[in-house]
Structures are given as structure tokens and as C-alpha cells.
Amino acid sequence: MATLTIRQKLMSYLADADDSKVKAIYTLLKKEIQEEEGITLTDEQLSILDQEHDMHVSGKTKSYNRKEASQIIRGQKAF
């Protein structure tokens, strides 16, 4: 099977896969992904990011778009 076909199949699968499968695949590839991105986070930092993400998705925390964040930083908008 051609590499391009494999990539397309993986992207299609990941788009609809349940969270546990996506996390498992990421765990397998985490080191390579981080090296490619040039970012290295500790397991503790990743855990914090996962918690923050979960709170955002569940609606427990508020998020801001780029324009709103800029306004908050400049003191033009309260958060």
C-alpha cells in the first residue's frame, strides 16, 4: 500500500476515532511528535494541559479567541 494511501486512511480514522484510541496512538508517537515540533514537555506538564483541555471542553473554564485575548492583554476588556 502506498504511503499516501496509508496517511489518508490514518487521518480519516483519527478524525472519527473515540478519545481513548486517539490518546493511545498519541502515546505511542508522543516522543517523535514532540521531537519534530521541537517541544519537550514533562509528563506533569502534559497532564496539566490535558486537565485544562478537559475543563475547556466540558465548559468549566472560559476561553477567548485571539481578538478577545489581545483586548484583555491591552486592558481593553475584562475577563
N, C-alpha and C. Protein backbone atom coordinates (compact mmCIF):
# COMPACT_ATOMS: atom_id res chain seq x y z
N MET A 1 0.86 -1.17 0.00
CA MET A 1 0.00 0.00 0.00
C MET A 1 0.91 1.24 0.00
N ALA A 2 0.57 2.23 -0.79
CA ALA A 2 1.38 3.44 -0.89
C ALA A 2 1.28 4.27 0.39
N THR A 3 2.35 4.96 0.70
CA THR A 3 2.40 5.78 1.92
C THR A 3 1.29 6.82 1.93
N LEU A 4 1.03 7.45 0.79
CA LEU A 4 -0.04 8.45 0.71
C LEU A 4 -1.38 7.84 1.08
N THR A 5 -1.66 6.65 0.63
CA THR A 5 -2.92 5.97 0.96
C THR A 5 -3.00 5.67 2.44
N ILE A 6 -1.89 5.24 3.02
CA ILE A 6 -1.85 4.94 4.45
C ILE A 6 -2.12 6.21 5.25
N ARG A 7 -1.47 7.33 4.86
CA ARG A 7 -1.70 8.60 5.55
C ARG A 7 -3.18 9.00 5.50
N GLN A 8 -3.77 8.88 4.33
CA GLN A 8 -5.18 9.24 4.17
C GLN A 8 -6.08 8.37 5.04
N LYS A 9 -5.80 7.08 5.08
CA LYS A 9 -6.59 6.17 5.90
C LYS A 9 -6.45 6.50 7.39
N LEU A 10 -5.21 6.80 7.82
CA LEU A 10 -4.98 7.16 9.22
C LEU A 10 -5.70 8.46 9.58
N MET A 11 -5.60 9.47 8.73
CA MET A 11 -6.27 10.75 9.01
C MET A 11 -7.78 10.57 9.08
N SER A 12 -8.31 9.78 8.19
CA SER A 12 -9.74 9.52 8.19
C SER A 12 -10.16 8.78 9.46
N TYR A 13 -9.37 7.79 9.85
CA TYR A 13 -9.68 7.03 11.06
C TYR A 13 -9.62 7.92 12.29
N LEU A 14 -8.54 8.71 12.42
CA LEU A 14 -8.36 9.54 13.60
C LEU A 14 -9.44 10.61 13.73
N ALA A 15 -9.95 11.06 12.61
CA ALA A 15 -10.98 12.10 12.64
C ALA A 15 -12.24 11.63 13.37
N ASP A 16 -12.51 10.34 13.32
CA ASP A 16 -13.74 9.82 13.92
C ASP A 16 -13.51 8.85 15.08
N ALA A 17 -12.26 8.58 15.41
CA ALA A 17 -11.96 7.60 16.47
C ALA A 17 -12.35 8.14 17.84
N ASP A 18 -12.68 7.24 18.75
CA ASP A 18 -13.02 7.68 20.10
C ASP A 18 -11.75 8.16 20.81
N ASP A 19 -11.94 8.99 21.84
CA ASP A 19 -10.83 9.65 22.52
C ASP A 19 -9.77 8.69 23.04
N SER A 20 -10.20 7.56 23.57
CA SER A 20 -9.22 6.64 24.16
C SER A 20 -8.27 6.09 23.10
N LYS A 21 -8.77 5.84 21.90
CA LYS A 21 -7.91 5.34 20.83
C LYS A 21 -6.96 6.42 20.33
N VAL A 22 -7.45 7.64 20.21
CA VAL A 22 -6.60 8.75 19.78
C VAL A 22 -5.48 8.97 20.80
N LYS A 23 -5.83 8.95 22.09
CA LYS A 23 -4.82 9.13 23.13
C LYS A 23 -3.80 7.99 23.12
N ALA A 24 -4.24 6.78 22.87
CA ALA A 24 -3.33 5.63 22.83
C ALA A 24 -2.35 5.76 21.67
N ILE A 25 -2.84 6.16 20.52
CA ILE A 25 -1.97 6.34 19.36
C ILE A 25 -0.99 7.47 19.62
N TYR A 26 -1.48 8.55 20.22
CA TYR A 26 -0.59 9.67 20.54
C TYR A 26 0.50 9.24 21.51
N THR A 27 0.14 8.45 22.49
CA THR A 27 1.11 7.97 23.47
C THR A 27 2.23 7.18 22.78
N LEU A 28 1.86 6.39 21.81
CA LEU A 28 2.86 5.62 21.06
C LEU A 28 3.82 6.52 20.28
N LEU A 29 3.31 7.65 19.80
CA LEU A 29 4.09 8.52 18.92
C LEU A 29 4.55 9.82 19.59
N LYS A 30 4.22 10.00 20.87
CA LYS A 30 4.45 11.26 21.56
C LYS A 30 5.88 11.76 21.42
N LYS A 31 6.84 10.92 21.67
CA LYS A 31 8.24 11.35 21.65
C LYS A 31 8.63 11.86 20.26
N GLU A 32 8.26 11.13 19.22
CA GLU A 32 8.59 11.54 17.86
C GLU A 32 7.88 12.84 17.48
N ILE A 33 6.64 12.98 17.89
CA ILE A 33 5.88 14.20 17.60
C ILE A 33 6.54 15.39 18.27
N GLN A 34 6.88 15.25 19.53
CA GLN A 34 7.50 16.35 20.27
C GLN A 34 8.85 16.71 19.69
N GLU A 35 9.64 15.72 19.29
CA GLU A 35 10.95 16.00 18.71
C GLU A 35 10.80 16.76 17.40
N GLU A 36 9.81 16.38 16.62
CA GLU A 36 9.57 17.05 15.34
C GLU A 36 9.10 18.48 15.55
N GLU A 37 8.31 18.70 16.58
CA GLU A 37 7.81 20.03 16.87
C GLU A 37 8.84 20.88 17.60
N GLY A 38 9.86 20.24 18.14
CA GLY A 38 10.87 20.97 18.89
C GLY A 38 10.40 21.34 20.28
N ILE A 39 9.36 20.69 20.77
CA ILE A 39 8.81 20.98 22.08
C ILE A 39 8.95 19.72 22.93
N THR A 40 9.48 19.90 24.12
CA THR A 40 9.58 18.78 25.04
C THR A 40 8.91 19.18 26.35
N LEU A 41 7.86 18.50 26.68
CA LEU A 41 7.15 18.74 27.94
C LEU A 41 7.28 17.52 28.83
N THR A 42 7.29 17.76 30.12
CA THR A 42 7.33 16.66 31.07
C THR A 42 5.96 16.00 31.13
N ASP A 43 5.90 14.83 31.71
CA ASP A 43 4.61 14.16 31.88
C ASP A 43 3.68 15.00 32.76
N GLU A 44 4.24 15.68 33.75
CA GLU A 44 3.43 16.55 34.62
C GLU A 44 2.84 17.71 33.82
N GLN A 45 3.64 18.32 32.95
CA GLN A 45 3.13 19.42 32.12
C GLN A 45 2.05 18.93 31.17
N LEU A 46 2.27 17.77 30.58
CA LEU A 46 1.26 17.20 29.69
C LEU A 46 -0.03 16.90 30.44
N SER A 47 0.09 16.42 31.68
CA SER A 47 -1.08 16.13 32.50
C SER A 47 -1.87 17.41 32.77
N ILE A 48 -1.16 18.49 33.08
CA ILE A 48 -1.82 19.77 33.33
C ILE A 48 -2.55 20.24 32.07
N LEU A 49 -1.89 20.13 30.93
CA LEU A 49 -2.54 20.53 29.68
C LEU A 49 -3.77 19.68 29.40
N ASP A 50 -3.68 18.39 29.65
CA ASP A 50 -4.84 17.51 29.47
C ASP A 50 -5.99 17.92 30.38
N GLN A 51 -5.69 18.25 31.63
CA GLN A 51 -6.73 18.68 32.57
C GLN A 51 -7.37 19.99 32.11
N GLU A 52 -6.54 20.94 31.68
CA GLU A 52 -7.05 22.22 31.19
C GLU A 52 -7.93 22.02 29.96
N HIS A 53 -7.50 21.14 29.07
CA HIS A 53 -8.28 20.85 27.87
C HIS A 53 -9.64 20.25 28.24
N ASP A 54 -9.61 19.29 29.15
CA ASP A 54 -10.86 18.65 29.57
C ASP A 54 -11.82 19.65 30.21
N MET A 55 -11.29 20.58 31.02
CA MET A 55 -12.14 21.60 31.63
C MET A 55 -12.71 22.54 30.57
N HIS A 56 -11.92 22.86 29.57
CA HIS A 56 -12.41 23.72 28.48
C HIS A 56 -13.52 23.03 27.70
N VAL A 57 -13.28 21.78 27.32
CA VAL A 57 -14.26 21.04 26.52
C VAL A 57 -15.57 20.85 27.30
N SER A 58 -15.47 20.65 28.61
CA SER A 58 -16.67 20.43 29.42
C SER A 58 -17.39 21.74 29.77
N GLY A 59 -16.77 22.88 29.43
CA GLY A 59 -17.40 24.17 29.71
C GLY A 59 -17.13 24.71 31.10
N LYS A 60 -16.23 24.07 31.84
CA LYS A 60 -15.92 24.51 33.20
C LYS A 60 -15.02 25.75 33.22
N THR A 61 -14.33 26.01 32.12
CA THR A 61 -13.50 27.21 32.02
C THR A 61 -13.86 27.97 30.75
N LYS A 62 -13.61 29.26 30.77
CA LYS A 62 -13.90 30.10 29.61
C LYS A 62 -12.65 30.21 28.76
N SER A 63 -12.85 30.31 27.48
CA SER A 63 -11.72 30.53 26.58
C SER A 63 -11.99 31.79 25.76
N TYR A 64 -10.95 32.29 25.15
CA TYR A 64 -11.04 33.53 24.39
C TYR A 64 -10.40 33.33 23.03
N ASN A 65 -10.97 34.01 22.03
CA ASN A 65 -10.33 33.97 20.72
C ASN A 65 -9.17 34.96 20.72
N ARG A 66 -8.43 35.01 19.64
CA ARG A 66 -7.23 35.84 19.57
C ARG A 66 -7.56 37.32 19.80
N LYS A 67 -8.64 37.81 19.20
CA LYS A 67 -9.01 39.22 19.35
C LYS A 67 -9.35 39.53 20.81
N GLU A 68 -10.14 38.68 21.44
CA GLU A 68 -10.51 38.88 22.84
C GLU A 68 -9.27 38.84 23.74
N ALA A 69 -8.38 37.90 23.49
CA ALA A 69 -7.16 37.79 24.30
C ALA A 69 -6.32 39.05 24.17
N SER A 70 -6.19 39.57 22.96
CA SER A 70 -5.44 40.80 22.76
C SER A 70 -6.07 41.97 23.51
N GLN A 71 -7.40 42.04 23.49
CA GLN A 71 -8.09 43.12 24.20
C GLN A 71 -7.88 42.99 25.72
N ILE A 72 -7.91 41.80 26.23
CA ILE A 72 -7.68 41.58 27.66
C ILE A 72 -6.26 41.98 28.03
N ILE A 73 -5.29 41.57 27.22
CA ILE A 73 -3.89 41.89 27.48
C ILE A 73 -3.67 43.40 27.48
N ARG A 74 -4.33 44.09 26.57
CA ARG A 74 -4.18 45.55 26.46
C ARG A 74 -5.04 46.30 27.47
N GLY A 75 -5.81 45.57 28.25
CA GLY A 75 -6.67 46.21 29.25
C GLY A 75 -7.91 46.83 28.67
N GLN A 76 -8.27 46.45 27.45
CA GLN A 76 -9.44 47.00 26.79
C GLN A 76 -10.70 46.19 27.08
N LYS A 77 -10.52 45.07 27.72
CA LYS A 77 -11.64 44.17 28.00
C LYS A 77 -11.35 43.43 29.30
N ALA A 78 -12.38 43.27 30.13
CA ALA A 78 -12.23 42.50 31.36
C ALA A 78 -12.44 41.03 31.05
N PHE A 79 -11.84 40.19 31.87
CA PHE A 79 -12.05 38.75 31.68
C PHE A 79 -12.73 38.14 32.85
